[in-house]
């Protein structure tokens, strides 16, 4: 349907049209090898009398009326700047680069163009966000949600047979056949933990408790995004109440953002490499620069990523997350995943570095440094220490000077 619309649109209005897939390799395969279920090549949908030329190298089709259709991979989003497309089809949109659509959108708005995004889910990532936007704005967007129950494309019996034979996992079946956004990326580290948290009402509105300090955990990007999680420790419970993420701005910006918050600040956690000196800041490390600007960082332990991930898994059962202010964190928890080796068809023992990595790293630093943070005196801890100092921990109601009388006497 999207392919036919692309052809019709290019005939009605002369201009540039784009068909995008996650990678350029996939785009080339679709253009030259793609077929329908009955064996008809996608290229054959364009009547030959309309085609002026096909450039295999540039993956470009030029029509006699002057319109151009190009096939591209989403990783080449910067190459589309300034091209002013009139229409774009984004196929397998959940798997495309998250910056692809934001990059082309201004040109589509300026040209009164259109976009179609088609995909099966891949966790609650950027495609899920767009789908939710489309549902909430029916006057501007058309949205459709079709599972095999609506299309009848594959029977439920066939799917169950695939699951029982081990050809496909139940999670993959839910994602691919029933369009479940809640499964999370295959190979995800935390998706199942997040599902449990949601069932236990650990994801929702989380109140800020003004009588407790707010701590922050940072993942400091250089060329990537910087993510900051803001949380409170109340007893053993950890409440993540707020977060902030940005890129291409300096340390001053992030510190100003935190100082503008109404919170009483406790500790600020940063990765261990924050103490490395930089050539661009007069030989100062970011640790020293932050101290000059009013923030003294607590440095997270220097442990392996895998050990840090295990620390997060251990801590998640007592973490509560605000579902409005921390949407990015929730999505990252669902989609932060292992790196996949297409050659060996196995997952590598390390995470994929993508847009989910930054906030996931900040959470890792939070969890691995939690013992240091929970030692900070809050009202509950102070009262407990006061009571123990006055009455002792074993003889409730009896001042320590009397319960430990012999030790007290022997000290003189």
Foldseek 3Di string as FASTA:
>chain_A
DVLLVQLVVCVVDAAEEEEEEQAQVVQLCLLPPNDDPVGHRSVVVRPPQQWPDADSVQQWTAGPVRHIYHYGHLVVQVVCPPRLGQEYEYEQVQNHALCNCVSCVVSNVVNVHYYHYDHFAAACDSVVVVLVVCVVCVVVHDHDADACVRVVPDDPVVVVVCCVVVVDPPLVCCRPHVRDNQSFHVQALQSVVLVVCVVVQLEAQDDDDQLFAKEWFWEDDDQDKIKIWIWTCDPLAIEGHAMDIDGDDDPLVVVVVVVPDPGHHDAYEYEQCQQQFDPVPVRGGNQVVVVVVPHHHDYFDPDDPLVLSVLLSVSSVRYGYHCPRPVLLSRLSRYFRFPADPVVRGGDPDTDDGPSPNVVVSSSSCRRCVVVRVVPDGPVNVVVVVQCQQANDPGHPHGPCVVVVVVNVVVD
